[in-house]
């Protein structure tokens, strides 16, 4: 990943991370309550994801940021820790543009997302369209056991940058 992209990601994190001051402590507590240890690398990962609250970031982006503090951290450590956070129901995992991206779960209620394909910014969709889809499609011969619903596009800021040719 090039340095300008890492800088952009860090700046976005600084801009949106202000409302996340106490949130890492809540995540640390939930992790301990679920029987997981809080390693320094895991702590840094949670703090980083918290700084990007409202955005989904890739494993590689997360790794680049954490390597600034822990230079010897291997990307497999990032994958393993994300798996732990996912099992503990503390992160969302989405698939966009051929890769998985992650973000901390903030709301405990059932919801979906609109996701910017450029910067990863997310907006919560506070309702679930599954019931309307189920009723309108005649799905009587099909039992839904799980689902995801994400809308992908470009946030206004990224759309404006694309239009300006930046």
Foldseek 3Di string as FASTA:
>chain_A
DDPVVLVVLVVQLQVQLPVQVCVLVVVCVLLVVVPHDDDPLLSLLSSSLSSVAQFWAFLVSSVVVSCVVVVPDDSVVSVVSVVSCVVSVQWDWDADPHGITIHGDDDPDDWAWEAENPGRGIDIGPDDCVVVCCVVVVVPVDDDDDDHDYHYHHDPVVVVCVVVVD
